[in-house]
Amino acid sequence: MMQPGDHLDPACRPVASTRWRYEAETQTARDTEIAVEWPVNIRYGSVPYAVMMATPLDLEDFVTGFSLTEGIIAEASEIRSIRVADEAEAITLDVDLTPGRFRQHLGRQRRLTGRTSCGVCGVEDASQLPRAEKSVAAHAPIAAEAVARAVGDLRSHQPLHARTRSVHGAVWCDHEGRIRLAREDVGRHNALDKLIGAVLRTGEAAADGFVVVTSRASYEMVEKTAILGAAALVSVSAPTSLAVTRARAAGLMLVSVAREDGCEVFSGELAG
């Protein structure tokens, strides 16, 4: 099996393809750049926990955000170190937790097997679904102009998508809509986990900004954003019914079908 490192760019790989033009009745052999999807083993204290299919970029951010949204840690300082091993069949992330947090982790049970960006795989009962433990803190109002600005700048912060047209993006913006952090992945949940990890590891105050994702707003995306404590979740596609219910329960502003010229607000209120 080819490893991500076999190509200079671990996130993108040229693959032979044939491009067809129906009306012109032509076909052209070419190399097409495609996004890398690769197994990532996540282990805590050398104990296997999950196998996720992800783009092998920003993996320290990914496992930090994943650990928070899985409830394994409550803050980034509970991770003492992250070791990345690029092996023959997968990449392994070994996470060293603080002793108290590791003992708590060993007391939990969860089975999660490799799906691209799966948010609830392995959950055995609905009561085990991840939920934000507290409501989103009060924050300064977000203006419609800030949402429009963020959405308008979104594509310029997606270099991998520009090359492959097959990855999701997640960005964190300040209250004026300026994009401060951006992450990409083949999985929408993975992209958001990477962004969450980046916010934690850079020490940014999550409540001082909002999240924009290039996907729909599903239940899991709402919960992850609420767990982070960001002021709002903005999605370019529509929300699901449970996403709206959970956003309202958590006090999270939810803005969807967001474009430069308009959006739909399902939870909270935008400032004029």
C-alpha atoms as a PDB file:
ATOM      1  CA  MET A   1       0.000   0.000   0.000  1.00  0.00           C
ATOM      2  CA  MET A   2       1.333   3.441  -0.892  1.00  0.00           C
ATOM      3  CA  GLN A   3       1.927   5.731   2.061  1.00  0.00           C
ATOM      4  CA  PRO A   4       1.028   9.422   2.215  1.00  0.00           C
ATOM      5  CA  GLY A   5       4.714  10.258   2.383  1.00  0.00           C
ATOM      6  CA  ASP A   6       5.359   8.610  -1.003  1.00  0.00           C
ATOM      7  CA  HIS A   7       4.321  11.892  -2.601  1.00  0.00           C
ATOM      8  CA  LEU A   8       5.841  15.256  -1.718  1.00  0.00           C
ATOM      9  CA  ASP A   9       2.469  16.566  -0.548  1.00  0.00           C
ATOM     10  CA  PRO A  10       1.001  14.217   2.099  1.00  0.00           C
ATOM     11  CA  ALA A  11      -2.496  15.613   1.556  1.00  0.00           C
ATOM     12  CA  CYS A  12      -2.690  15.426  -2.229  1.00  0.00           C
ATOM     13  CA  ARG A  13      -1.631  12.873  -4.833  1.00  0.00           C
ATOM     14  CA  PRO A  14      -1.624  12.811  -8.674  1.00  0.00           C
ATOM     15  CA  VAL A  15      -3.567   9.887 -10.093  1.00  0.00           C
ATOM     16  CA  ALA A  16      -3.905   8.886 -13.745  1.00  0.00           C
ATOM     17  CA  SER A  17      -7.379   9.517 -15.156  1.00  0.00           C
ATOM     18  CA  THR A  18      -9.193  10.105 -18.428  1.00  0.00           C
ATOM     19  CA  ARG A  19     -11.211  13.278 -18.903  1.00  0.00           C
ATOM     20  CA  TRP A  20     -14.240  12.960 -21.168  1.00  0.00           C
ATOM     21  CA  ARG A  21     -15.918  15.830 -23.017  1.00  0.00           C
ATOM     22  CA  TYR A  22     -19.338  14.581 -24.090  1.00  0.00           C
ATOM     23  CA  GLU A  23     -20.307  17.233 -26.622  1.00  0.00           C
ATOM     24  CA  ALA A  24     -16.880  17.339 -28.243  1.00  0.00           C
ATOM     25  CA  GLU A  25     -16.651  13.546 -28.094  1.00  0.00           C
ATOM     26  CA  THR A  26     -13.053  13.711 -26.874  1.00  0.00           C
ATOM     27  CA  GLN A  27     -11.090  11.974 -24.157  1.00  0.00           C
ATOM     28  CA  THR A  28      -7.765  13.068 -22.711  1.00  0.00           C
ATOM     29  CA  ALA A  29      -5.349  11.147 -20.501  1.00  0.00           C
ATOM     30  CA  ARG A  30      -4.155  13.270 -17.617  1.00  0.00           C
ATOM     31  CA  ASP A  31      -2.970  13.261 -14.011  1.00  0.00           C
ATOM     32  CA  THR A  32      -5.617  14.488 -11.588  1.00  0.00           C
ATOM     33  CA  GLU A  33      -4.762  15.664  -8.092  1.00  0.00           C
ATOM     34  CA  ILE A  34      -6.919  13.941  -5.501  1.00  0.00           C
ATOM     35  CA  ALA A  35      -7.108  14.326  -1.734  1.00  0.00           C
ATOM     36  CA  VAL A  36      -5.415  11.668   0.388  1.00  0.00           C
ATOM     37  CA  GLU A  37      -7.667   9.641   2.676  1.00  0.00           C
ATOM     38  CA  TRP A  38      -5.665   7.541   5.113  1.00  0.00           C
ATOM     39  CA  PRO A  39      -6.253   5.422   8.248  1.00  0.00           C
ATOM     40  CA  VAL A  40      -5.272   7.214  11.445  1.00  0.00           C
ATOM     41  CA  ASN A  41      -4.949   5.110  14.599  1.00  0.00           C
ATOM     42  CA  ILE A  42      -5.638   7.068  17.769  1.00  0.00           C
ATOM     43  CA  ARG A  43      -4.193   5.634  20.957  1.00  0.00           C
ATOM     44  CA  TYR A  44      -4.157   6.953  24.509  1.00  0.00           C
ATOM     45  CA  GLY A  45      -1.305   5.672  26.645  1.00  0.00           C
ATOM     46  CA  SER A  46      -0.622   3.064  23.914  1.00  0.00           C
ATOM     47  CA  VAL A  47      -4.203   1.766  24.329  1.00  0.00           C
ATOM     48  CA  PRO A  48      -6.062   1.707  20.968  1.00  0.00           C
ATOM     49  CA  TYR A  49      -9.186   3.884  20.907  1.00  0.00           C
ATOM     50  CA  ALA A  50     -10.235   4.648  17.327  1.00  0.00           C
ATOM     51  CA  VAL A  51      -9.335   4.324  13.681  1.00  0.00           C
ATOM     52  CA  MET A  52     -10.413   7.367  11.697  1.00  0.00           C
ATOM     53  CA  MET A  53     -10.107   7.993   7.973  1.00  0.00           C
ATOM     54  CA  ALA A  54      -8.572  11.428   7.581  1.00  0.00           C
ATOM     55  CA  THR A  55      -6.362  13.660   5.469  1.00  0.00           C
ATOM     56  CA  PRO A  56      -2.847  13.465   6.981  1.00  0.00           C
ATOM     57  CA  LEU A  57      -2.450  17.173   7.704  1.00  0.00           C
ATOM     58  CA  ASP A  58      -2.539  19.025  11.039  1.00  0.00           C
ATOM     59  CA  LEU A  59      -2.804  15.721  12.917  1.00  0.00           C
ATOM     60  CA  GLU A  60      -1.817  17.180  16.281  1.00  0.00           C
ATOM     61  CA  ASP A  61      -4.680  19.659  15.928  1.00  0.00           C
ATOM     62  CA  PHE A  62      -6.971  16.829  14.844  1.00  0.00           C
ATOM     63  CA  VAL A  63      -6.329  14.572  17.822  1.00  0.00           C
ATOM     64  CA  THR A  64      -6.541  17.510  20.242  1.00  0.00           C
ATOM     65  CA  GLY A  65      -9.936  18.587  18.917  1.00  0.00           C
ATOM     66  CA  PHE A  66     -11.101  14.971  18.682  1.00  0.00           C
ATOM     67  CA  SER A  67     -10.088  14.365  22.300  1.00  0.00           C
ATOM     68  CA  LEU A  68     -12.083  17.391  23.447  1.00  0.00           C
ATOM     69  CA  THR A  69     -15.235  16.613  21.482  1.00  0.00           C
ATOM     70  CA  GLU A  70     -15.070  12.935  22.527  1.00  0.00           C
ATOM     71  CA  GLY A  71     -15.007  14.025  26.170  1.00  0.00           C
ATOM     72  CA  ILE A  72     -11.587  12.475  26.783  1.00  0.00           C
ATOM     73  CA  ILE A  73     -10.098  15.821  27.843  1.00  0.00           C
ATOM     74  CA  ALA A  74     -11.619  19.032  29.147  1.00  0.00           C
ATOM     75  CA  GLU A  75      -8.742  21.296  28.124  1.00  0.00           C
ATOM     76  CA  ALA A  76      -5.610  21.103  26.016  1.00  0.00           C
ATOM     77  CA  SER A  77      -3.270  21.047  29.044  1.00  0.00           C
ATOM     78  CA  GLU A  78      -4.505  17.527  29.846  1.00  0.00           C
ATOM     79  CA  ILE A  79      -2.517  16.292  26.838  1.00  0.00           C
ATOM     80  CA  ARG A  80       1.132  15.966  27.818  1.00  0.00           C
ATOM     81  CA  SER A  81       2.461  14.934  24.410  1.00  0.00           C
ATOM     82  CA  ILE A  82       1.437  13.657  20.969  1.00  0.00           C
ATOM     83  CA  ARG A  83       3.645  11.292  18.981  1.00  0.00           C
ATOM     84  CA  VAL A  84       3.013  10.807  15.262  1.00  0.00           C
ATOM     85  CA  ALA A  85       4.258   7.572  13.662  1.00  0.00           C
ATOM     86  CA  ASP A  86       3.908   7.149   9.879  1.00  0.00           C
ATOM     87  CA  GLU A  87       3.693   3.372   9.511  1.00  0.00           C
ATOM     88  CA  ALA A  88       3.213   1.064   6.534  1.00  0.00           C
ATOM     89  CA  GLU A  89      -0.566   0.739   6.671  1.00  0.00           C
ATOM     90  CA  ALA A  90      -1.620   3.750   8.748  1.00  0.00           C
ATOM     91  CA  ILE A  91      -0.532   6.746  10.744  1.00  0.00           C
ATOM     92  CA  THR A  92      -0.572   6.239  14.510  1.00  0.00           C
ATOM     93  CA  LEU A  93      -1.169   9.061  16.975  1.00  0.00           C
ATOM     94  CA  ASP A  94      -0.053   8.188  20.499  1.00  0.00           C
ATOM     95  CA  VAL A  95      -1.505  10.641  22.993  1.00  0.00           C
ATOM     96  CA  ASP A  96      -0.026  10.884  26.485  1.00  0.00           C
ATOM     97  CA  LEU A  97      -2.647  12.184  28.916  1.00  0.00           C
ATOM     98  CA  THR A  98      -2.113  13.504  32.421  1.00  0.00           C
ATOM     99  CA  PRO A  99      -2.369  10.633  34.958  1.00  0.00           C
ATOM    100  CA  GLY A 100      -5.752  11.642  36.382  1.00  0.00           C
ATOM    101  CA  ARG A 101      -7.329  12.146  32.990  1.00  0.00           C
ATOM    102  CA  PHE A 102      -5.899   8.848  31.708  1.00  0.00           C
ATOM    103  CA  ARG A 103      -7.424   6.967  34.638  1.00  0.00           C
ATOM    104  CA  GLN A 104     -10.798   8.535  33.865  1.00  0.00           C
ATOM    105  CA  HIS A 105     -10.399   7.591  30.209  1.00  0.00           C
ATOM    106  CA  LEU A 106      -9.684   3.953  31.034  1.00  0.00           C
ATOM    107  CA  GLY A 107     -12.954   3.842  32.953  1.00  0.00           C
ATOM    108  CA  ARG A 108     -14.936   4.683  29.844  1.00  0.00           C
ATOM    109  CA  GLN A 109     -15.918   2.276  27.106  1.00  0.00           C
ATOM    110  CA  ARG A 110     -16.430   3.190  23.474  1.00  0.00           C
ATOM    111  CA  ARG A 111     -15.908   1.369  20.198  1.00  0.00           C
ATOM    112  CA  LEU A 112     -15.176   3.420  17.110  1.00  0.00           C
ATOM    113  CA  THR A 113     -14.085   1.973  13.751  1.00  0.00           C
ATOM    114  CA  GLY A 114     -12.887   3.655  10.630  1.00  0.00           C
ATOM    115  CA  ARG A 115     -15.401   5.782   8.856  1.00  0.00           C
ATOM    116  CA  THR A 116     -14.493   9.069   7.244  1.00  0.00           C
ATOM    117  CA  SER A 117     -15.388  11.705   9.782  1.00  0.00           C
ATOM    118  CA  CYS A 118     -18.011   9.614  11.562  1.00  0.00           C
ATOM    119  CA  GLY A 119     -19.381  11.473  14.544  1.00  0.00           C
ATOM    120  CA  VAL A 120     -21.287   8.778  16.433  1.00  0.00           C
ATOM    121  CA  CYS A 121     -19.942   5.431  15.161  1.00  0.00           C
ATOM    122  CA  GLY A 122     -19.686   2.909  17.963  1.00  0.00           C
ATOM    123  CA  VAL A 123     -22.208   4.530  20.272  1.00  0.00           C
ATOM    124  CA  GLU A 124     -24.319   1.714  21.673  1.00  0.00           C
ATOM    125  CA  ASP A 125     -27.162   3.729  23.186  1.00  0.00           C
ATOM    126  CA  ALA A 126     -28.722   7.114  22.391  1.00  0.00           C
ATOM    127  CA  SER A 127     -27.918   8.294  25.918  1.00  0.00           C
ATOM    128  CA  GLN A 128     -24.232   8.049  24.988  1.00  0.00           C
ATOM    129  CA  LEU A 129     -24.466  10.636  22.221  1.00  0.00           C
ATOM    130  CA  PRO A 130     -22.015  13.488  22.879  1.00  0.00           C
ATOM    131  CA  ARG A 131     -23.591  16.646  24.261  1.00  0.00           C
ATOM    132  CA  ALA A 132     -22.216  19.973  25.380  1.00  0.00           C
ATOM    133  CA  GLU A 133     -22.364  19.961  29.173  1.00  0.00           C
ATOM    134  CA  LYS A 134     -23.192  23.654  29.495  1.00  0.00           C
ATOM    135  CA  SER A 135     -24.791  26.401  27.473  1.00  0.00           C
ATOM    136  CA  VAL A 136     -22.682  28.636  25.277  1.00  0.00           C
ATOM    137  CA  ALA A 137     -21.494  31.683  27.219  1.00  0.00           C
ATOM    138  CA  ALA A 138     -22.895  35.125  26.529  1.00  0.00           C
ATOM    139  CA  HIS A 139     -20.986  36.936  23.798  1.00  0.00           C
ATOM    140  CA  ALA A 140     -20.971  40.112  21.758  1.00  0.00           C
ATOM    141  CA  PRO A 141     -23.584  40.086  18.984  1.00  0.00           C
ATOM    142  CA  ILE A 142     -22.494  38.911  15.555  1.00  0.00           C
ATOM    143  CA  ALA A 143     -23.432  41.144  12.655  1.00  0.00           C
ATOM    144  CA  ALA A 144     -24.790  39.972   9.322  1.00  0.00           C
ATOM    145  CA  GLU A 145     -21.861  41.762   7.671  1.00  0.00           C
ATOM    146  CA  ALA A 146     -19.425  39.558   9.592  1.00  0.00           C
ATOM    147  CA  VAL A 147     -21.092  36.399   8.311  1.00  0.00           C
ATOM    148  CA  ALA A 148     -21.034  37.726   4.738  1.00  0.00           C
ATOM    149  CA  ARG A 149     -17.361  38.649   5.057  1.00  0.00           C
ATOM    150  CA  ALA A 150     -16.383  35.234   6.410  1.00  0.00           C
ATOM    151  CA  VAL A 151     -18.316  33.326   3.752  1.00  0.00           C
ATOM    152  CA  GLY A 152     -16.888  35.533   1.031  1.00  0.00           C
ATOM    153  CA  ASP A 153     -13.316  34.800   2.162  1.00  0.00           C
ATOM    154  CA  LEU A 154     -13.879  31.092   2.752  1.00  0.00           C
ATOM    155  CA  ARG A 155     -12.568  29.760  -0.570  1.00  0.00           C
ATOM    156  CA  SER A 156      -9.308  31.687  -0.269  1.00  0.00           C
ATOM    157  CA  HIS A 157      -8.564  29.668   2.880  1.00  0.00           C
ATOM    158  CA  GLN A 158      -9.122  26.284   1.203  1.00  0.00           C
ATOM    159  CA  PRO A 159      -5.970  25.595  -0.845  1.00  0.00           C
ATOM    160  CA  LEU A 160      -6.432  21.814  -0.783  1.00  0.00           C
ATOM    161  CA  HIS A 161     -10.024  22.083  -1.965  1.00  0.00           C
ATOM    162  CA  ALA A 162      -8.908  24.385  -4.787  1.00  0.00           C
ATOM    163  CA  ARG A 163      -6.644  21.583  -6.017  1.00  0.00           C
ATOM    164  CA  THR A 164      -8.878  18.561  -5.443  1.00  0.00           C
ATOM    165  CA  ARG A 165     -12.506  19.775  -5.134  1.00  0.00           C
ATOM    166  CA  SER A 166     -13.087  16.990  -2.625  1.00  0.00           C
ATOM    167  CA  VAL A 167     -12.360  18.213   0.900  1.00  0.00           C
ATOM    168  CA  HIS A 168     -14.277  20.100   3.557  1.00  0.00           C
ATOM    169  CA  GLY A 169     -13.125  23.215   5.329  1.00  0.00           C
ATOM    170  CA  ALA A 170     -13.704  24.709   8.770  1.00  0.00           C
ATOM    171  CA  VAL A 171     -12.594  28.189   9.803  1.00  0.00           C
ATOM    172  CA  TRP A 172     -12.662  30.238  12.990  1.00  0.00           C
ATOM    173  CA  CYS A 173     -13.350  33.961  12.586  1.00  0.00           C
ATOM    174  CA  ASP A 174     -13.307  36.930  14.903  1.00  0.00           C
ATOM    175  CA  HIS A 175     -16.527  38.850  15.510  1.00  0.00           C
ATOM    176  CA  GLU A 176     -15.816  41.052  12.490  1.00  0.00           C
ATOM    177  CA  GLY A 177     -15.726  38.002  10.235  1.00  0.00           C
ATOM    178  CA  ARG A 178     -11.975  37.983   9.674  1.00  0.00           C
ATOM    179  CA  ILE A 179     -10.747  34.389   9.279  1.00  0.00           C
ATOM    180  CA  ARG A 180      -8.045  33.635  11.870  1.00  0.00           C
ATOM    181  CA  LEU A 181      -7.651  29.859  11.594  1.00  0.00           C
ATOM    182  CA  ALA A 182      -8.537  27.378   8.841  1.00  0.00           C
ATOM    183  CA  ARG A 183      -8.289  23.604   8.513  1.00  0.00           C
ATOM    184  CA  GLU A 184      -9.241  21.084   5.781  1.00  0.00           C
ATOM    185  CA  ASP A 185      -9.970  17.359   5.623  1.00  0.00           C
ATOM    186  CA  VAL A 186     -11.820  14.793   3.523  1.00  0.00           C
ATOM    187  CA  GLY A 187     -14.233  14.445   6.453  1.00  0.00           C
ATOM    188  CA  ARG A 188     -16.362  17.346   7.642  1.00  0.00           C
ATOM    189  CA  HIS A 189     -16.172  16.269  11.288  1.00  0.00           C
ATOM    190  CA  ASN A 190     -12.420  15.838  10.973  1.00  0.00           C
ATOM    191  CA  ALA A 191     -12.030  19.334   9.539  1.00  0.00           C
ATOM    192  CA  LEU A 192     -13.969  20.763  12.479  1.00  0.00           C
ATOM    193  CA  ASP A 193     -11.997  18.696  15.006  1.00  0.00           C
ATOM    194  CA  LYS A 194      -8.774  19.982  13.447  1.00  0.00           C
ATOM    195  CA  LEU A 195     -10.035  23.546  13.747  1.00  0.00           C
ATOM    196  CA  ILE A 196     -11.099  23.005  17.365  1.00  0.00           C
ATOM    197  CA  GLY A 197      -7.673  21.586  18.149  1.00  0.00           C
ATOM    198  CA  ALA A 198      -6.002  24.575  16.508  1.00  0.00           C
ATOM    199  CA  VAL A 199      -8.097  27.004  18.588  1.00  0.00           C
ATOM    200  CA  LEU A 200      -7.157  25.133  21.767  1.00  0.00           C
ATOM    201  CA  ARG A 201      -3.471  24.801  20.946  1.00  0.00           C
ATOM    202  CA  THR A 202      -3.047  28.449  19.905  1.00  0.00           C
ATOM    203  CA  GLY A 203      -4.813  29.667  23.036  1.00  0.00           C
ATOM    204  CA  GLU A 204      -7.485  31.650  21.216  1.00  0.00           C
ATOM    205  CA  ALA A 205     -10.633  32.481  23.190  1.00  0.00           C
ATOM    206  CA  ALA A 206     -13.279  30.496  21.317  1.00  0.00           C
ATOM    207  CA  ALA A 207     -16.133  32.738  22.479  1.00  0.00           C
ATOM    208  CA  ASP A 208     -14.434  35.718  20.798  1.00  0.00           C
ATOM    209  CA  GLY A 209     -15.355  34.333  17.397  1.00  0.00           C
ATOM    210  CA  PHE A 210     -17.489  31.953  15.408  1.00  0.00           C
ATOM    211  CA  VAL A 211     -17.073  28.840  13.260  1.00  0.00           C
ATOM    212  CA  VAL A 212     -17.877  28.491   9.567  1.00  0.00           C
ATOM    213  CA  VAL A 213     -18.053  25.068   7.887  1.00  0.00           C
ATOM    214  CA  THR A 214     -18.425  24.149   4.236  1.00  0.00           C
ATOM    215  CA  SER A 215     -20.866  21.331   4.960  1.00  0.00           C
ATOM    216  CA  ARG A 216     -24.389  20.987   6.290  1.00  0.00           C
ATOM    217  CA  ALA A 217     -25.012  21.696   9.974  1.00  0.00           C
ATOM    218  CA  SER A 218     -25.663  18.295  11.521  1.00  0.00           C
ATOM    219  CA  TYR A 219     -26.234  17.384  15.150  1.00  0.00           C
ATOM    220  CA  GLU A 220     -22.569  16.489  15.664  1.00  0.00           C
ATOM    221  CA  MET A 221     -21.284  19.730  14.145  1.00  0.00           C
ATOM    222  CA  VAL A 222     -23.506  21.722  16.496  1.00  0.00           C
ATOM    223  CA  GLU A 223     -22.358  19.744  19.539  1.00  0.00           C
ATOM    224  CA  LYS A 224     -18.680  20.067  18.648  1.00  0.00           C
ATOM    225  CA  THR A 225     -19.018  23.832  18.208  1.00  0.00           C
ATOM    226  CA  ALA A 226     -20.935  24.158  21.477  1.00  0.00           C
ATOM    227  CA  ILE A 227     -18.314  22.078  23.313  1.00  0.00           C
ATOM    228  CA  LEU A 228     -15.633  24.408  21.945  1.00  0.00           C
ATOM    229  CA  GLY A 229     -17.633  27.382  23.235  1.00  0.00           C
ATOM    230  CA  ALA A 230     -17.663  29.407  20.007  1.00  0.00           C
ATOM    231  CA  ALA A 231     -20.310  32.088  19.651  1.00  0.00           C
ATOM    232  CA  ALA A 232     -21.966  30.611  16.558  1.00  0.00           C
ATOM    233  CA  LEU A 233     -21.893  27.947  13.891  1.00  0.00           C
ATOM    234  CA  VAL A 234     -22.316  29.088  10.294  1.00  0.00           C
ATOM    235  CA  SER A 235     -22.790  26.463   7.577  1.00  0.00           C
ATOM    236  CA  VAL A 236     -23.005  26.871   3.827  1.00  0.00           C
ATOM    237  CA  SER A 237     -25.635  24.114   3.596  1.00  0.00           C
ATOM    238  CA  ALA A 238     -28.875  23.544   5.460  1.00  0.00           C
ATOM    239  CA  PRO A 239     -29.197  22.184   9.011  1.00  0.00           C
ATOM    240  CA  THR A 240     -30.880  19.011  10.178  1.00  0.00           C
ATOM    241  CA  SER A 241     -33.833  19.084  12.571  1.00  0.00           C
ATOM    242  CA  LEU A 242     -31.786  17.760  15.493  1.00  0.00           C
ATOM    243  CA  ALA A 243     -29.070  20.318  14.815  1.00  0.00           C
ATOM    244  CA  VAL A 244     -31.612  23.120  15.214  1.00  0.00           C
ATOM    245  CA  THR A 245     -33.057  21.585  18.376  1.00  0.00           C
ATOM    246  CA  ARG A 246     -29.642  21.141  19.981  1.00  0.00           C
ATOM    247  CA  ALA A 247     -28.394  24.592  18.944  1.00  0.00           C
ATOM    248  CA  ARG A 248     -31.408  26.219  20.582  1.00  0.00           C
ATOM    249  CA  ALA A 249     -30.991  24.091  23.719  1.00  0.00           C
ATOM    250  CA  ALA A 250     -27.297  24.974  23.980  1.00  0.00           C
ATOM    251  CA  GLY A 251     -27.797  28.667  23.276  1.00  0.00           C
ATOM    252  CA  LEU A 252     -25.634  28.410  20.165  1.00  0.00           C
ATOM    253  CA  MET A 253     -26.357  30.737  17.270  1.00  0.00           C
ATOM    254  CA  LEU A 254     -26.947  28.646  14.147  1.00  0.00           C
ATOM    255  CA  VAL A 255     -26.762  30.288  10.734  1.00  0.00           C
ATOM    256  CA  SER A 256     -27.137  28.122   7.637  1.00  0.00           C
ATOM    257  CA  VAL A 257     -27.440  28.318   3.851  1.00  0.00           C
ATOM    258  CA  ALA A 258     -24.928  31.137   4.229  1.00  0.00           C
ATOM    259  CA  ARG A 259     -23.959  33.108   1.158  1.00  0.00           C
ATOM    260  CA  GLU A 260     -22.400  36.504   0.597  1.00  0.00           C
ATOM    261  CA  ASP A 261     -25.848  37.914  -0.191  1.00  0.00           C
ATOM    262  CA  GLY A 262     -27.907  36.251   2.550  1.00  0.00           C
ATOM    263  CA  CYS A 263     -28.407  33.435   5.026  1.00  0.00           C
ATOM    264  CA  GLU A 264     -30.996  31.745   7.226  1.00  0.00           C
ATOM    265  CA  VAL A 265     -30.873  32.049  11.021  1.00  0.00           C
ATOM    266  CA  PHE A 266     -32.259  29.043  12.904  1.00  0.00           C
ATOM    267  CA  SER A 267     -31.067  29.839  16.433  1.00  0.00           C
ATOM    268  CA  GLY A 268     -30.196  33.185  17.989  1.00  0.00           C
ATOM    269  CA  GLU A 269     -30.289  36.532  16.223  1.00  0.00           C
ATOM    270  CA  LEU A 270     -27.899  38.348  13.943  1.00  0.00           C
ATOM    271  CA  ALA A 271     -27.228  42.017  14.553  1.00  0.00           C
ATOM    272  CA  GLY A 272     -28.365  44.260  11.758  1.00  0.00           C
END
